[in-house]
Amino acid sequence: MENRPYKDLPEQVLFALFQQSNENAFSEIYFRYSGALYKHALKMLKDRDEAKDIIQDIFASFWLKRESLILTTSLASYLYTSVRNKVLDVFSHEKVAARYQQSLQAFIDQGEFITDDWLREKELTAIIDQQIAELPPKMRAVFELSRKTQLSYREISEELDICENTVRKHITKAIKKLKVKLDTVVIIALTVVEIIQLIRIK
């Protein structure tokens, strides 16, 4: 037999109890709306797992904001709007990822990359610098000398007292590591000239 002590409560009373951290009220809200919200998300996403994740995220956030939440519409409208916004966030993320992939492919195919208004150079530079800082010390030193000072392999080998072939290996490995960590962000952020200088065997 199902345990739903608040199944007959109207929405307004249920929400008031929920805001007082009443777990039975939260369970009743979940029972009433989660199924329909899941179908709503699934209809837009066409992906069962993704739809389930969104519903879980919505209700987790709903519980965390319970004390400060102010409804200007019905509870049902609020929850449906939350699902819709979450789905739009997913679509937006997928669009950004697709543009990154497009930029990478353009560079591979033509040596060019695509820029967009939303691609802020300062933000990308900060991300790249952070990932470069996490490279092994010697590899980072070689990479930065090549990228920031434009030294040749021979000049770097003399500066760090290592052989030229070691310099080449460090730079090649650094590029591979950064590509894996940042997907296509590094490719977009570095200039074409820098990339050619780093990848080309001198």
N, C-alpha and C. Protein backbone atom coordinates (compact mmCIF):
# COMPACT_ATOMS: atom_id res chain seq x y z
N MET A 1 0.85 -1.20 0.00
CA MET A 1 0.00 0.00 0.00
C MET A 1 0.89 1.25 0.00
N GLU A 2 0.60 2.20 -0.88
CA GLU A 2 1.44 3.38 -1.01
C GLU A 2 1.30 4.29 0.20
N ASN A 3 2.43 4.90 0.56
CA ASN A 3 2.45 5.79 1.72
C ASN A 3 2.48 7.23 1.22
N ARG A 4 1.30 7.83 1.09
CA ARG A 4 1.18 9.21 0.60
C ARG A 4 0.25 9.99 1.53
N PRO A 5 0.77 10.41 2.68
CA PRO A 5 -0.09 11.10 3.65
C PRO A 5 -0.62 12.44 3.15
N TYR A 6 0.03 13.03 2.13
CA TYR A 6 -0.38 14.35 1.66
C TYR A 6 -1.02 14.30 0.27
N LYS A 7 -1.48 13.14 -0.14
CA LYS A 7 -1.97 13.00 -1.51
C LYS A 7 -3.20 13.85 -1.81
N ASP A 8 -3.96 14.22 -0.77
CA ASP A 8 -5.19 14.99 -0.99
C ASP A 8 -5.00 16.49 -0.74
N LEU A 9 -3.78 16.89 -0.39
CA LEU A 9 -3.55 18.31 -0.10
C LEU A 9 -3.52 19.13 -1.38
N PRO A 10 -4.08 20.34 -1.34
CA PRO A 10 -3.98 21.22 -2.52
C PRO A 10 -2.54 21.70 -2.70
N GLU A 11 -2.25 22.15 -3.89
CA GLU A 11 -0.88 22.53 -4.26
C GLU A 11 -0.30 23.61 -3.34
N GLN A 12 -1.10 24.62 -3.01
CA GLN A 12 -0.59 25.73 -2.20
C GLN A 12 -0.16 25.26 -0.81
N VAL A 13 -0.97 24.40 -0.20
CA VAL A 13 -0.65 23.89 1.14
C VAL A 13 0.57 22.98 1.06
N LEU A 14 0.62 22.18 0.03
CA LEU A 14 1.74 21.27 -0.15
C LEU A 14 3.05 22.04 -0.30
N PHE A 15 3.00 23.11 -1.08
CA PHE A 15 4.21 23.91 -1.29
C PHE A 15 4.64 24.60 0.00
N ALA A 16 3.69 25.06 0.79
CA ALA A 16 4.01 25.71 2.06
C ALA A 16 4.71 24.73 3.00
N LEU A 17 4.23 23.51 3.06
CA LEU A 17 4.88 22.48 3.89
C LEU A 17 6.27 22.14 3.35
N PHE A 18 6.38 22.09 2.05
CA PHE A 18 7.66 21.82 1.41
C PHE A 18 8.70 22.87 1.81
N GLN A 19 8.28 24.13 1.84
CA GLN A 19 9.20 25.21 2.20
C GLN A 19 9.65 25.13 3.66
N GLN A 20 8.91 24.38 4.45
CA GLN A 20 9.28 24.16 5.85
C GLN A 20 10.14 22.90 6.00
N SER A 21 10.66 22.42 4.86
CA SER A 21 11.54 21.24 4.82
C SER A 21 10.81 19.94 5.17
N ASN A 22 9.53 19.90 4.87
CA ASN A 22 8.75 18.69 5.12
C ASN A 22 9.04 17.69 3.99
N GLU A 23 9.68 16.59 4.33
CA GLU A 23 10.09 15.62 3.31
C GLU A 23 8.90 14.89 2.69
N ASN A 24 7.84 14.69 3.47
CA ASN A 24 6.65 14.06 2.91
C ASN A 24 6.01 14.94 1.83
N ALA A 25 6.06 16.24 2.06
CA ALA A 25 5.53 17.18 1.06
C ALA A 25 6.37 17.12 -0.21
N PHE A 26 7.69 17.06 -0.03
CA PHE A 26 8.58 16.96 -1.19
C PHE A 26 8.32 15.67 -1.95
N SER A 27 8.16 14.57 -1.23
CA SER A 27 7.89 13.28 -1.87
C SER A 27 6.59 13.31 -2.65
N GLU A 28 5.58 13.99 -2.10
CA GLU A 28 4.30 14.07 -2.80
C GLU A 28 4.41 14.91 -4.07
N ILE A 29 5.16 16.01 -3.99
CA ILE A 29 5.38 16.83 -5.18
C ILE A 29 6.10 16.01 -6.26
N TYR A 30 7.10 15.27 -5.83
CA TYR A 30 7.84 14.42 -6.77
C TYR A 30 6.91 13.39 -7.40
N PHE A 31 6.08 12.77 -6.58
CA PHE A 31 5.17 11.74 -7.07
C PHE A 31 4.18 12.32 -8.08
N ARG A 32 3.68 13.51 -7.80
CA ARG A 32 2.66 14.10 -8.67
C ARG A 32 3.22 14.54 -10.03
N TYR A 33 4.44 15.05 -10.02
CA TYR A 33 4.92 15.73 -11.23
C TYR A 33 6.08 15.06 -11.97
N SER A 34 6.85 14.21 -11.31
CA SER A 34 8.07 13.70 -11.94
C SER A 34 7.80 12.91 -13.22
N GLY A 35 6.74 12.11 -13.21
CA GLY A 35 6.44 11.31 -14.40
C GLY A 35 6.12 12.16 -15.61
N ALA A 36 5.26 13.15 -15.43
CA ALA A 36 4.88 14.03 -16.54
C ALA A 36 6.07 14.88 -16.99
N LEU A 37 6.87 15.32 -16.02
CA LEU A 37 8.04 16.13 -16.36
C LEU A 37 9.06 15.31 -17.15
N TYR A 38 9.21 14.05 -16.77
CA TYR A 38 10.12 13.17 -17.50
C TYR A 38 9.67 13.00 -18.95
N LYS A 39 8.38 12.78 -19.15
CA LYS A 39 7.86 12.64 -20.51
C LYS A 39 8.07 13.92 -21.32
N HIS A 40 7.91 15.05 -20.64
CA HIS A 40 8.11 16.35 -21.29
C HIS A 40 9.57 16.50 -21.74
N ALA A 41 10.50 16.14 -20.85
CA ALA A 41 11.93 16.24 -21.19
C ALA A 41 12.30 15.24 -22.28
N LEU A 42 11.77 14.04 -22.19
CA LEU A 42 12.07 13.00 -23.18
C LEU A 42 11.58 13.39 -24.56
N LYS A 43 10.43 14.03 -24.62
CA LYS A 43 9.88 14.46 -25.90
C LYS A 43 10.81 15.43 -26.60
N MET A 44 11.48 16.28 -25.83
CA MET A 44 12.39 17.26 -26.42
C MET A 44 13.78 16.69 -26.68
N LEU A 45 14.26 15.84 -25.78
CA LEU A 45 15.63 15.36 -25.87
C LEU A 45 15.80 14.08 -26.68
N LYS A 46 14.75 13.26 -26.71
CA LYS A 46 14.82 11.96 -27.40
C LYS A 46 15.90 11.06 -26.80
N ASP A 47 16.18 11.24 -25.52
CA ASP A 47 17.21 10.45 -24.85
C ASP A 47 16.74 10.15 -23.42
N ARG A 48 16.50 8.88 -23.12
CA ARG A 48 15.93 8.50 -21.82
C ARG A 48 16.86 8.85 -20.66
N ASP A 49 18.13 8.50 -20.79
CA ASP A 49 19.07 8.76 -19.69
C ASP A 49 19.23 10.25 -19.43
N GLU A 50 19.32 11.02 -20.49
CA GLU A 50 19.49 12.46 -20.35
C GLU A 50 18.24 13.08 -19.72
N ALA A 51 17.07 12.59 -20.12
CA ALA A 51 15.82 13.09 -19.54
C ALA A 51 15.75 12.76 -18.05
N LYS A 52 16.15 11.55 -17.67
CA LYS A 52 16.15 11.16 -16.26
C LYS A 52 17.09 12.05 -15.46
N ASP A 53 18.27 12.31 -16.02
CA ASP A 53 19.26 13.15 -15.32
C ASP A 53 18.71 14.55 -15.09
N ILE A 54 18.02 15.08 -16.08
CA ILE A 54 17.47 16.43 -15.95
C ILE A 54 16.42 16.48 -14.85
N ILE A 55 15.56 15.49 -14.78
CA ILE A 55 14.52 15.47 -13.75
C ILE A 55 15.15 15.38 -12.36
N GLN A 56 16.17 14.55 -12.22
CA GLN A 56 16.85 14.45 -10.93
C GLN A 56 17.50 15.78 -10.55
N ASP A 57 18.12 16.43 -11.52
CA ASP A 57 18.76 17.73 -11.26
C ASP A 57 17.73 18.78 -10.86
N ILE A 58 16.59 18.77 -11.54
CA ILE A 58 15.54 19.75 -11.26
C ILE A 58 15.04 19.60 -9.82
N PHE A 59 14.76 18.38 -9.40
CA PHE A 59 14.22 18.17 -8.06
C PHE A 59 15.29 18.37 -6.98
N ALA A 60 16.53 18.06 -7.29
CA ALA A 60 17.61 18.32 -6.33
C ALA A 60 17.75 19.82 -6.10
N SER A 61 17.73 20.58 -7.19
CA SER A 61 17.81 22.04 -7.08
C SER A 61 16.58 22.61 -6.39
N PHE A 62 15.43 22.04 -6.69
CA PHE A 62 14.17 22.46 -6.09
C PHE A 62 14.22 22.33 -4.57
N TRP A 63 14.76 21.23 -4.09
CA TRP A 63 14.88 20.99 -2.65
C TRP A 63 15.87 21.96 -2.01
N LEU A 64 17.00 22.18 -2.66
CA LEU A 64 18.03 23.06 -2.10
C LEU A 64 17.55 24.51 -1.99
N LYS A 65 16.66 24.92 -2.90
CA LYS A 65 16.18 26.31 -2.91
C LYS A 65 14.85 26.48 -2.18
N ARG A 66 14.41 25.45 -1.47
CA ARG A 66 13.05 25.43 -0.93
C ARG A 66 12.72 26.63 -0.04
N GLU A 67 13.66 27.05 0.81
CA GLU A 67 13.35 28.10 1.78
C GLU A 67 13.29 29.49 1.15
N SER A 68 14.02 29.69 0.08
CA SER A 68 14.07 31.02 -0.54
C SER A 68 13.20 31.12 -1.79
N LEU A 69 12.61 30.02 -2.20
CA LEU A 69 11.86 29.99 -3.45
C LEU A 69 10.55 30.76 -3.34
N ILE A 70 10.31 31.62 -4.32
CA ILE A 70 9.05 32.37 -4.39
C ILE A 70 8.38 32.05 -5.72
N LEU A 71 7.19 31.51 -5.66
CA LEU A 71 6.47 31.15 -6.88
C LEU A 71 5.61 32.31 -7.34
N THR A 72 5.74 32.66 -8.61
CA THR A 72 4.88 33.69 -9.20
C THR A 72 3.86 33.05 -10.14
N THR A 73 3.98 31.74 -10.31
CA THR A 73 3.02 30.97 -11.11
C THR A 73 2.63 29.75 -10.29
N SER A 74 1.92 28.84 -10.90
CA SER A 74 1.59 27.59 -10.21
C SER A 74 2.84 26.74 -10.06
N LEU A 75 2.80 25.80 -9.14
CA LEU A 75 3.93 24.90 -8.93
C LEU A 75 4.21 24.10 -10.19
N ALA A 76 3.16 23.64 -10.84
CA ALA A 76 3.34 22.87 -12.07
C ALA A 76 4.03 23.71 -13.15
N SER A 77 3.60 24.95 -13.29
CA SER A 77 4.22 25.83 -14.30
C SER A 77 5.68 26.07 -13.99
N TYR A 78 5.99 26.26 -12.71
CA TYR A 78 7.38 26.48 -12.31
C TYR A 78 8.24 25.27 -12.69
N LEU A 79 7.76 24.08 -12.39
CA LEU A 79 8.54 22.87 -12.66
C LEU A 79 8.69 22.63 -14.16
N TYR A 80 7.63 22.84 -14.92
CA TYR A 80 7.72 22.66 -16.37
C TYR A 80 8.69 23.67 -16.98
N THR A 81 8.66 24.90 -16.48
CA THR A 81 9.58 25.92 -16.98
C THR A 81 11.02 25.56 -16.64
N SER A 82 11.23 25.00 -15.45
CA SER A 82 12.57 24.58 -15.03
C SER A 82 13.11 23.49 -15.96
N VAL A 83 12.25 22.55 -16.30
CA VAL A 83 12.65 21.48 -17.22
C VAL A 83 12.99 22.06 -18.59
N ARG A 84 12.14 22.94 -19.07
CA ARG A 84 12.37 23.55 -20.39
C ARG A 84 13.71 24.29 -20.41
N ASN A 85 13.99 25.06 -19.38
CA ASN A 85 15.25 25.81 -19.33
C ASN A 85 16.45 24.88 -19.26
N LYS A 86 16.30 23.80 -18.52
CA LYS A 86 17.39 22.83 -18.40
C LYS A 86 17.67 22.17 -19.75
N VAL A 87 16.62 21.84 -20.46
CA VAL A 87 16.77 21.24 -21.79
C VAL A 87 17.46 22.22 -22.74
N LEU A 88 17.07 23.48 -22.67
CA LEU A 88 17.70 24.50 -23.52
C LEU A 88 19.18 24.64 -23.19
N ASP A 89 19.53 24.49 -21.91
CA ASP A 89 20.94 24.52 -21.51
C ASP A 89 21.70 23.37 -22.16
N VAL A 90 21.07 22.20 -22.19
CA VAL A 90 21.69 21.03 -22.82
C VAL A 90 21.92 21.29 -24.31
N PHE A 91 20.90 21.82 -24.97
CA PHE A 91 21.02 22.12 -26.40
C PHE A 91 22.12 23.15 -26.65
N SER A 92 22.19 24.16 -25.78
CA SER A 92 23.20 25.20 -25.92
C SER A 92 24.60 24.62 -25.77
N HIS A 93 24.77 23.74 -24.79
CA HIS A 93 26.07 23.10 -24.57
C HIS A 93 26.47 22.26 -25.77
N GLU A 94 25.51 21.52 -26.32
CA GLU A 94 25.79 20.68 -27.48
C GLU A 94 26.17 21.53 -28.69
N LYS A 95 25.54 22.70 -28.80
CA LYS A 95 25.84 23.59 -29.92
C LYS A 95 27.26 24.12 -29.81
N VAL A 96 27.65 24.50 -28.58
CA VAL A 96 29.02 24.99 -28.36
C VAL A 96 30.03 23.90 -28.66
N ALA A 97 29.75 22.69 -28.18
CA ALA A 97 30.66 21.57 -28.43
C ALA A 97 30.79 21.30 -29.92
N ALA A 98 29.68 21.41 -30.64
CA ALA A 98 29.70 21.18 -32.08
C ALA A 98 30.55 22.24 -32.78
N ARG A 99 30.46 23.49 -32.32
CA ARG A 99 31.26 24.55 -32.94
C ARG A 99 32.74 24.36 -32.66
N TYR A 100 33.08 23.89 -31.44
CA TYR A 100 34.47 23.59 -31.14
C TYR A 100 34.99 22.51 -32.09
N GLN A 101 34.17 21.46 -32.27
CA GLN A 101 34.58 20.38 -33.15
C GLN A 101 34.73 20.87 -34.58
N GLN A 102 33.83 21.75 -34.99
CA GLN A 102 33.89 22.32 -36.33
C GLN A 102 35.18 23.13 -36.52
N SER A 103 35.55 23.86 -35.47
CA SER A 103 36.77 24.66 -35.53
C SER A 103 38.00 23.77 -35.67
N LEU A 104 38.02 22.68 -34.89
CA LEU A 104 39.14 21.75 -34.96
C LEU A 104 39.24 21.13 -36.34
N GLN A 105 38.11 20.71 -36.90
CA GLN A 105 38.12 20.07 -38.20
C GLN A 105 38.58 21.04 -39.28
N ALA A 106 38.16 22.30 -39.15
CA ALA A 106 38.57 23.31 -40.13
C ALA A 106 40.07 23.51 -40.11
N PHE A 107 40.65 23.48 -38.90
CA PHE A 107 42.10 23.63 -38.81
C PHE A 107 42.81 22.42 -39.41
N ILE A 108 42.30 21.22 -39.10
CA ILE A 108 42.93 20.00 -39.63
C ILE A 108 42.87 19.98 -41.15
N ASP A 109 41.70 20.38 -41.70
CA ASP A 109 41.50 20.30 -43.14
C ASP A 109 42.17 21.44 -43.90
N GLN A 110 42.12 22.65 -43.33
CA GLN A 110 42.53 23.82 -44.10
C GLN A 110 43.55 24.71 -43.42
N GLY A 111 43.90 24.39 -42.16
CA GLY A 111 44.80 25.27 -41.43
C GLY A 111 44.12 26.55 -41.02
N GLU A 112 42.78 26.52 -40.86
CA GLU A 112 42.02 27.70 -40.48
C GLU A 112 41.21 27.38 -39.25
N PHE A 113 40.76 28.43 -38.56
CA PHE A 113 39.84 28.20 -37.46
C PHE A 113 38.74 29.24 -37.47
N ILE A 114 37.63 28.90 -36.81
CA ILE A 114 36.43 29.73 -36.82
C ILE A 114 36.35 30.52 -35.52
N THR A 115 35.99 31.78 -35.60
CA THR A 115 35.80 32.58 -34.39
C THR A 115 34.34 33.00 -34.31
N ASP A 116 33.84 33.14 -33.08
CA ASP A 116 32.47 33.57 -32.84
C ASP A 116 32.46 34.65 -31.78
N ASP A 117 31.36 35.40 -31.71
CA ASP A 117 31.26 36.47 -30.73
C ASP A 117 31.37 35.94 -29.30
N TRP A 118 30.86 34.71 -29.09
CA TRP A 118 30.86 34.16 -27.73
C TRP A 118 32.22 33.63 -27.32
N LEU A 119 33.15 33.58 -28.26
CA LEU A 119 34.47 33.02 -27.96
C LEU A 119 35.36 34.14 -27.45
N ARG A 120 35.48 34.30 -26.17
CA ARG A 120 36.24 35.41 -25.59
C ARG A 120 37.70 35.00 -25.42
N GLU A 121 38.56 35.79 -26.02
CA GLU A 121 39.99 35.45 -26.03
C GLU A 121 40.58 35.38 -24.63
N LYS A 122 40.20 36.32 -23.77
CA LYS A 122 40.78 36.34 -22.42
C LYS A 122 40.43 35.08 -21.64
N GLU A 123 39.20 34.62 -21.77
CA GLU A 123 38.77 33.43 -21.05
C GLU A 123 39.52 32.21 -21.55
N LEU A 124 39.67 32.10 -22.86
CA LEU A 124 40.38 30.97 -23.43
C LEU A 124 41.85 30.99 -23.04
N THR A 125 42.43 32.18 -23.04
CA THR A 125 43.84 32.30 -22.66
C THR A 125 44.06 31.82 -21.24
N ALA A 126 43.14 32.17 -20.35
CA ALA A 126 43.25 31.75 -18.95
C ALA A 126 43.17 30.23 -18.83
N ILE A 127 42.26 29.62 -19.60
CA ILE A 127 42.12 28.16 -19.58
C ILE A 127 43.39 27.50 -20.10
N ILE A 128 43.90 28.02 -21.20
CA ILE A 128 45.11 27.45 -21.80
C ILE A 128 46.30 27.57 -20.86
N ASP A 129 46.47 28.75 -20.26
CA ASP A 129 47.59 28.96 -19.35
C ASP A 129 47.51 28.01 -18.15
N GLN A 130 46.31 27.76 -17.69
CA GLN A 130 46.14 26.84 -16.56
C GLN A 130 46.58 25.43 -16.94
N GLN A 131 46.19 25.00 -18.14
CA GLN A 131 46.55 23.66 -18.58
C GLN A 131 48.05 23.55 -18.86
N ILE A 132 48.64 24.61 -19.40
CA ILE A 132 50.09 24.60 -19.64
C ILE A 132 50.83 24.49 -18.31
N ALA A 133 50.32 25.18 -17.29
CA ALA A 133 50.97 25.16 -15.97
C ALA A 133 50.96 23.76 -15.36
N GLU A 134 50.04 22.91 -15.80
CA GLU A 134 49.94 21.56 -15.26
C GLU A 134 50.81 20.54 -16.01
N LEU A 135 51.49 20.99 -17.06
CA LEU A 135 52.41 20.10 -17.77
C LEU A 135 53.61 19.78 -16.87
N PRO A 136 54.29 18.66 -17.11
CA PRO A 136 55.53 18.37 -16.36
C PRO A 136 56.51 19.53 -16.50
N PRO A 137 57.28 19.84 -15.46
CA PRO A 137 58.13 21.04 -15.45
C PRO A 137 59.01 21.23 -16.68
N LYS A 138 59.75 20.20 -17.07
CA LYS A 138 60.66 20.34 -18.20
C LYS A 138 59.87 20.55 -19.50
N MET A 139 58.80 19.80 -19.66
CA MET A 139 57.96 19.94 -20.85
C MET A 139 57.36 21.34 -20.92
N ARG A 140 56.91 21.84 -19.77
CA ARG A 140 56.33 23.18 -19.73
C ARG A 140 57.36 24.24 -20.11
N ALA A 141 58.57 24.09 -19.59
CA ALA A 141 59.62 25.06 -19.89
C ALA A 141 59.92 25.11 -21.39
N VAL A 142 60.02 23.94 -22.00
CA VAL A 142 60.29 23.86 -23.44
C VAL A 142 59.14 24.48 -24.23
N PHE A 143 57.92 24.11 -23.86
CA PHE A 143 56.75 24.59 -24.59
C PHE A 143 56.63 26.11 -24.50
N GLU A 144 56.84 26.66 -23.30
CA GLU A 144 56.70 28.10 -23.13
C GLU A 144 57.79 28.87 -23.86
N LEU A 145 59.00 28.33 -23.90
CA LEU A 145 60.06 29.00 -24.65
C LEU A 145 59.73 29.04 -26.13
N SER A 146 59.12 27.98 -26.63
CA SER A 146 58.76 27.94 -28.04
C SER A 146 57.57 28.84 -28.33
N ARG A 147 56.57 28.81 -27.44
CA ARG A 147 55.32 29.54 -27.70
C ARG A 147 55.45 31.03 -27.41
N LYS A 148 56.12 31.37 -26.31
CA LYS A 148 56.13 32.77 -25.88
C LYS A 148 57.32 33.57 -26.39
N THR A 149 58.45 32.90 -26.59
CA THR A 149 59.64 33.63 -27.03
C THR A 149 60.01 33.33 -28.47
N GLN A 150 59.29 32.36 -29.07
CA GLN A 150 59.51 32.00 -30.48
C GLN A 150 60.94 31.53 -30.76
N LEU A 151 61.56 30.91 -29.75
CA LEU A 151 62.90 30.37 -29.97
C LEU A 151 62.83 29.13 -30.85
N SER A 152 63.88 28.88 -31.61
CA SER A 152 63.95 27.68 -32.43
C SER A 152 64.28 26.49 -31.53
N TYR A 153 64.16 25.28 -32.09
CA TYR A 153 64.51 24.09 -31.32
C TYR A 153 65.97 24.15 -30.87
N ARG A 154 66.82 24.60 -31.76
CA ARG A 154 68.25 24.67 -31.43
C ARG A 154 68.49 25.65 -30.29
N GLU A 155 67.85 26.81 -30.36
CA GLU A 155 68.02 27.83 -29.32
C GLU A 155 67.49 27.35 -27.97
N ILE A 156 66.37 26.62 -28.00
CA ILE A 156 65.82 26.09 -26.76
C ILE A 156 66.75 25.04 -26.17
N SER A 157 67.31 24.19 -27.04
CA SER A 157 68.22 23.15 -26.55
C SER A 157 69.45 23.76 -25.89
N GLU A 158 69.93 24.87 -26.44
CA GLU A 158 71.09 25.55 -25.85
C GLU A 158 70.70 26.23 -24.53
N GLU A 159 69.51 26.81 -24.50
CA GLU A 159 69.05 27.52 -23.31
C GLU A 159 68.87 26.57 -22.12
N LEU A 160 68.34 25.37 -22.40
CA LEU A 160 68.03 24.42 -21.33
C LEU A 160 69.08 23.31 -21.20
N ASP A 161 70.09 23.36 -22.06
CA ASP A 161 71.16 22.37 -22.03
C ASP A 161 70.63 20.95 -22.23
N ILE A 162 69.80 20.79 -23.23
CA ILE A 162 69.29 19.48 -23.62
C ILE A 162 69.44 19.35 -25.13
N CYS A 163 69.35 18.12 -25.64
CA CYS A 163 69.55 17.94 -27.08
C CYS A 163 68.32 18.42 -27.85
N GLU A 164 68.53 18.74 -29.11
CA GLU A 164 67.46 19.29 -29.94
C GLU A 164 66.33 18.29 -30.14
N ASN A 165 66.67 17.01 -30.23
CA ASN A 165 65.64 15.99 -30.40
C ASN A 165 64.73 15.90 -29.17
N THR A 166 65.30 16.13 -27.99
CA THR A 166 64.50 16.13 -26.76
C THR A 166 63.52 17.29 -26.76
N VAL A 167 63.97 18.43 -27.27
CA VAL A 167 63.09 19.60 -27.39
C VAL A 167 61.90 19.26 -28.27
N ARG A 168 62.20 18.64 -29.41
CA ARG A 168 61.14 18.27 -30.37
C ARG A 168 60.13 17.33 -29.71
N LYS A 169 60.63 16.34 -28.97
CA LYS A 169 59.75 15.37 -28.32
C LYS A 169 58.87 16.04 -27.26
N HIS A 170 59.47 16.95 -26.48
CA HIS A 170 58.71 17.64 -25.44
C HIS A 170 57.56 18.45 -26.05
N ILE A 171 57.84 19.15 -27.13
CA ILE A 171 56.82 19.99 -27.75
C ILE A 171 55.71 19.13 -28.36
N THR A 172 56.11 18.05 -29.02
CA THR A 172 55.12 17.15 -29.61
C THR A 172 54.21 16.56 -28.54
N LYS A 173 54.80 16.11 -27.43
CA LYS A 173 54.01 15.53 -26.34
C LYS A 173 53.13 16.59 -25.67
N ALA A 174 53.65 17.80 -25.53
CA ALA A 174 52.88 18.88 -24.91
C ALA A 174 51.63 19.18 -25.73
N ILE A 175 51.79 19.24 -27.04
CA ILE A 175 50.65 19.51 -27.92
C ILE A 175 49.60 18.41 -27.79
N LYS A 176 50.05 17.16 -27.76
CA LYS A 176 49.12 16.04 -27.63
C LYS A 176 48.37 16.10 -26.31
N LYS A 177 49.09 16.40 -25.22
CA LYS A 177 48.45 16.48 -23.91
C LYS A 177 47.41 17.60 -23.87
N LEU A 178 47.76 18.74 -24.43
CA LEU A 178 46.85 19.87 -24.41
C LEU A 178 45.62 19.61 -25.27
N LYS A 179 45.82 18.93 -26.38
CA LYS A 179 44.68 18.59 -27.23
C LYS A 179 43.70 17.69 -26.49
N VAL A 180 44.24 16.72 -25.75
CA VAL A 180 43.38 15.80 -25.00
C VAL A 180 42.64 16.54 -23.89
N LYS A 181 43.36 17.38 -23.14
CA LYS A 181 42.77 18.07 -22.00
C LYS A 181 41.74 19.11 -22.42
N LEU A 182 42.04 19.84 -23.44
CA LEU A 182 41.19 20.96 -23.81
C LEU A 182 40.32 20.70 -25.02
N ASP A 183 40.38 19.48 -25.53
CA ASP A 183 39.63 19.13 -26.74
C ASP A 183 40.08 20.06 -27.84
N THR A 184 39.27 21.01 -28.24
CA THR A 184 39.68 21.90 -29.32
C THR A 184 39.97 23.31 -28.87
N VAL A 185 39.88 23.58 -27.57
CA VAL A 185 40.06 24.96 -27.11
C VAL A 185 41.45 25.48 -27.43
N VAL A 186 42.46 24.63 -27.24
CA VAL A 186 43.82 25.06 -27.52
C VAL A 186 43.99 25.39 -28.99
N ILE A 187 43.41 24.56 -29.84
CA ILE A 187 43.54 24.78 -31.28
C ILE A 187 42.92 26.12 -31.67
N ILE A 188 41.80 26.46 -31.06
CA ILE A 188 41.13 27.71 -31.38
C ILE A 188 41.93 28.90 -30.87
N ALA A 189 42.47 28.78 -29.65
CA ALA A 189 43.09 29.92 -29.01
C ALA A 189 44.46 30.27 -29.56
N LEU A 190 45.25 29.27 -29.88
CA LEU A 190 46.57 29.55 -30.43
C LEU A 190 46.43 30.08 -31.85
N THR A 191 47.31 30.95 -32.25
CA THR A 191 47.26 31.45 -33.62
C THR A 191 47.75 30.39 -34.57
N VAL A 192 47.36 30.51 -35.82
CA VAL A 192 47.78 29.54 -36.83
C VAL A 192 49.30 29.52 -36.93
N VAL A 193 49.90 30.68 -36.85
CA VAL A 193 51.36 30.75 -36.95
C VAL A 193 52.01 29.97 -35.83
N GLU A 194 51.51 30.12 -34.60
CA GLU A 194 52.08 29.42 -33.46
C GLU A 194 51.97 27.92 -33.64
N ILE A 195 50.81 27.47 -34.09
CA ILE A 195 50.58 26.04 -34.26
C ILE A 195 51.53 25.47 -35.31
N ILE A 196 51.65 26.17 -36.41
CA ILE A 196 52.55 25.70 -37.47
C ILE A 196 53.98 25.62 -36.96
N GLN A 197 54.38 26.61 -36.17
CA GLN A 197 55.73 26.62 -35.63
C GLN A 197 55.95 25.48 -34.65
N LEU A 198 54.91 25.14 -33.88
CA LEU A 198 55.04 24.09 -32.88
C LEU A 198 55.00 22.70 -33.49
N ILE A 199 54.16 22.52 -34.49
CA ILE A 199 53.96 21.18 -35.06
C ILE A 199 55.01 20.85 -36.11
N ARG A 200 55.41 21.82 -36.88
CA ARG A 200 56.36 21.57 -37.96
C ARG A 200 57.70 21.06 -37.41
N ILE A 201 58.25 20.06 -38.02
CA ILE A 201 59.57 19.56 -37.63
C ILE A 201 60.62 20.47 -38.23
N LYS A 202 61.35 21.12 -37.34
CA LYS A 202 62.32 22.10 -37.82
C LYS A 202 63.62 21.40 -38.19
